C-alpha atoms as a PDB file:
ATOM      1  CA  MET A   1       4.698   6.121 -18.341  1.00  0.00           C
ATOM      2  CA  THR A   2       3.938   7.247 -21.760  1.00  0.00           C
ATOM      3  CA  ASP A   3       2.216   4.252 -23.209  1.00  0.00           C
ATOM      4  CA  SER A   4      -1.639   4.386 -22.287  1.00  0.00           C
ATOM      5  CA  SER A   5      -2.684   0.994 -23.522  1.00  0.00           C
ATOM      6  CA  TRP A   6      -2.777   0.275 -19.772  1.00  0.00           C
ATOM      7  CA  GLN A   7      -5.326   2.616 -19.290  1.00  0.00           C
ATOM      8  CA  TRP A   8      -7.328   0.903 -21.693  1.00  0.00           C
ATOM      9  CA  HIS A   9      -6.747  -2.712 -19.992  1.00  0.00           C
ATOM     10  CA  LEU A  10      -7.770  -0.865 -16.501  1.00  0.00           C
ATOM     11  CA  LEU A  11     -10.872   0.532 -17.970  1.00  0.00           C
ATOM     12  CA  ASP A  12     -11.938  -2.765 -19.353  1.00  0.00           C
ATOM     13  CA  ALA A  13     -11.354  -4.415 -16.182  1.00  0.00           C
ATOM     14  CA  MET A  14     -13.365  -1.861 -14.262  1.00  0.00           C
ATOM     15  CA  ASN A  15     -16.143  -2.501 -16.991  1.00  0.00           C
ATOM     16  CA  ASN A  16     -16.007  -6.309 -16.304  1.00  0.00           C
ATOM     17  CA  LEU A  17     -16.293  -5.713 -12.534  1.00  0.00           C
ATOM     18  CA  ASP A  18     -19.044  -3.345 -12.940  1.00  0.00           C
ATOM     19  CA  PHE A  19     -17.073  -0.572 -11.191  1.00  0.00           C
ATOM     20  CA  HIS A  20     -18.761   3.142 -11.595  1.00  0.00           C
ATOM     21  CA  ASP A  21     -16.773   6.136 -11.134  1.00  0.00           C
ATOM     22  CA  GLU A  22     -19.284   7.135  -8.268  1.00  0.00           C
ATOM     23  CA  ASP A  23     -18.544   3.792  -6.543  1.00  0.00           C
ATOM     24  CA  LEU A  24     -14.974   3.943  -6.523  1.00  0.00           C
ATOM     25  CA  GLU A  25     -12.093   5.095  -4.087  1.00  0.00           C
ATOM     26  CA  VAL A  26      -8.537   5.525  -4.834  1.00  0.00           C
ATOM     27  CA  VAL A  27      -6.354   4.653  -1.678  1.00  0.00           C
ATOM     28  CA  ILE A  28      -2.304   4.164  -1.376  1.00  0.00           C
ATOM     29  CA  GLY A  29      -1.107   0.843   0.407  1.00  0.00           C
ATOM     30  CA  GLY A  30       2.074   0.044   1.594  1.00  0.00           C
ATOM     31  CA  THR A  31       2.594   3.283   3.993  1.00  0.00           C
ATOM     32  CA  GLN A  32       3.409   4.095   7.533  1.00  0.00           C
ATOM     33  CA  VAL A  33       2.650   6.903   9.727  1.00  0.00           C
ATOM     34  CA  TYR A  34       4.911   7.695  12.638  1.00  0.00           C
ATOM     35  CA  GLU A  35       2.925   7.616  16.015  1.00  0.00           C
ATOM     36  CA  ILE A  36       6.126   8.581  18.126  1.00  0.00           C
ATOM     37  CA  GLU A  37       7.196  12.203  18.802  1.00  0.00           C
ATOM     38  CA  GLY A  38      10.540  12.774  17.063  1.00  0.00           C
ATOM     39  CA  ALA A  39      12.858  15.558  16.504  1.00  0.00           C
ATOM     40  CA  GLY A  40      12.057  15.822  12.681  1.00  0.00           C
ATOM     41  CA  THR A  41      15.122  14.101  11.256  1.00  0.00           C
ATOM     42  CA  LYS A  42      15.357  11.249   8.816  1.00  0.00           C
ATOM     43  CA  TRP A  43      15.464   8.780  11.682  1.00  0.00           C
ATOM     44  CA  ALA A  44      13.117  10.565  14.067  1.00  0.00           C
ATOM     45  CA  PRO A  45      10.471  12.070  11.998  1.00  0.00           C
ATOM     46  CA  ILE A  46       7.936  14.494  13.420  1.00  0.00           C
ATOM     47  CA  LYS A  47       4.839  12.319  14.894  1.00  0.00           C
ATOM     48  CA  GLY A  48       2.123  11.806  12.095  1.00  0.00           C
ATOM     49  CA  THR A  49       4.697  11.912   9.197  1.00  0.00           C
ATOM     50  CA  ARG A  50       3.686   9.431   6.478  1.00  0.00           C
ATOM     51  CA  LYS A  51       6.496   7.310   4.844  1.00  0.00           C
ATOM     52  CA  TYR A  52       5.897   5.590   1.475  1.00  0.00           C
ATOM     53  CA  ASP A  53       7.325   2.325   1.256  1.00  0.00           C
ATOM     54  CA  LYS A  54       9.642   1.383  -1.915  1.00  0.00           C
ATOM     55  CA  ASP A  55       6.849  -1.356  -2.710  1.00  0.00           C
ATOM     56  CA  ALA A  56       3.908   1.125  -2.176  1.00  0.00           C
ATOM     57  CA  PHE A  57       0.743   0.463  -4.520  1.00  0.00           C
ATOM     58  CA  VAL A  58      -2.346   2.125  -5.597  1.00  0.00           C
ATOM     59  CA  ILE A  59      -5.895   0.413  -4.723  1.00  0.00           C
ATOM     60  CA  ILE A  60      -8.918   0.952  -6.770  1.00  0.00           C
ATOM     61  CA  ARG A  61     -11.726  -0.386  -4.796  1.00  0.00           C
ATOM     62  CA  LYS A  62     -15.680   0.446  -4.316  1.00  0.00           C
ATOM     63  CA  LYS A  63     -16.582   2.458  -1.500  1.00  0.00           C
ATOM     64  CA  ARG A  64     -18.001   0.405   1.452  1.00  0.00           C
ATOM     65  CA  GLU A  65     -19.287   1.443   4.964  1.00  0.00           C
ATOM     66  CA  ILE A  66     -16.681   0.631   7.694  1.00  0.00           C
ATOM     67  CA  VAL A  67     -18.493  -1.255  10.656  1.00  0.00           C
ATOM     68  CA  SER A  68     -16.336  -1.894  13.653  1.00  0.00           C
ATOM     69  CA  SER A  69     -16.519  -5.189  15.049  1.00  0.00           C
ATOM     70  CA  ILE A  70     -19.278  -5.840  17.763  1.00  0.00           C
ATOM     71  CA  PRO A  71     -18.461  -7.656  21.129  1.00  0.00           C
ATOM     72  CA  MET A  72     -20.343 -11.082  21.358  1.00  0.00           C
ATOM     73  CA  GLU A  73     -23.510 -10.490  23.781  1.00  0.00           C
ATOM     74  CA  ASP A  74     -23.015 -14.049  25.456  1.00  0.00           C
ATOM     75  CA  PHE A  75     -19.424 -15.414  25.660  1.00  0.00           C
ATOM     76  CA  ASN A  76     -19.493 -18.793  27.432  1.00  0.00           C
ATOM     77  CA  PRO A  77     -16.578 -21.047  26.969  1.00  0.00           C
ATOM     78  CA  GLN A  78     -16.876 -24.492  27.806  1.00  0.00           C
ATOM     79  CA  HIS A  79     -13.767 -24.281  30.205  1.00  0.00           C
ATOM     80  CA  ASP A  80     -12.056 -22.267  32.396  1.00  0.00           C
ATOM     81  CA  GLN A  81      -9.445 -20.110  30.982  1.00  0.00           C
ATOM     82  CA  TYR A  82      -7.216 -20.542  33.918  1.00  0.00           C
ATOM     83  CA  GLU A  83      -7.839 -24.292  34.341  1.00  0.00           C
ATOM     84  CA  TRP A  84      -5.100 -26.819  32.915  1.00  0.00           C
ATOM     85  CA  ASP A  85      -5.235 -30.702  33.001  1.00  0.00           C
ATOM     86  CA  HIS A  86      -2.124 -31.980  33.498  1.00  0.00           C
ATOM     87  CA  SER A  87      -3.414 -35.752  33.410  1.00  0.00           C
ATOM     88  CA  ASP A  88      -2.817 -35.629  29.599  1.00  0.00           C
ATOM     89  CA  ALA A  89       0.704 -34.216  29.670  1.00  0.00           C
ATOM     90  CA  PRO A  90       3.544 -36.064  28.249  1.00  0.00           C
ATOM     91  CA  ASN A  91       5.531 -37.846  31.023  1.00  0.00           C
ATOM     92  CA  TYR A  92       9.290 -37.991  29.954  1.00  0.00           C
ATOM     93  CA  GLU A  93      12.500 -36.723  30.932  1.00  0.00           C
ATOM     94  CA  VAL A  94      14.279 -34.000  28.712  1.00  0.00           C
ATOM     95  CA  THR A  95      17.119 -36.240  28.553  1.00  0.00           C
ATOM     96  CA  ASP A  96      14.929 -39.300  27.040  1.00  0.00           C
ATOM     97  CA  ARG A  97      14.217 -36.695  24.013  1.00  0.00           C
ATOM     98  CA  TRP A  98      17.725 -35.146  23.897  1.00  0.00           C
ATOM     99  CA  PRO A  99      20.378 -37.818  24.946  1.00  0.00           C
ATOM    100  CA  ALA A 100      23.007 -35.119  24.070  1.00  0.00           C
ATOM    101  CA  LEU A 101      21.892 -33.085  27.292  1.00  0.00           C
ATOM    102  CA  ASN A 102      22.873 -36.169  29.571  1.00  0.00           C
ATOM    103  CA  LYS A 103      26.094 -35.344  29.875  1.00  0.00           C
END
């Protein structure tokens, strides 16, 4: 990339979004980390090896606190998850819908 005009477009966009240098973090998307132990070959890399996809991309974003999800304190569904009411199930034979099966 020898043309630097994209840098001016980037700076203009960052100014429009009110991004400041201290608020930014740059991360790479479109990557994979192998979680299975391998022999260190192309097809079985060592665990922890990062692979960059051909369509990997750069993300410039504002820093933010990472907050884990918090479980609900009171979870009371209105029905029993194992209860199934068969009274409203359709009543038909399979061959009624697919006559080709009636051979």
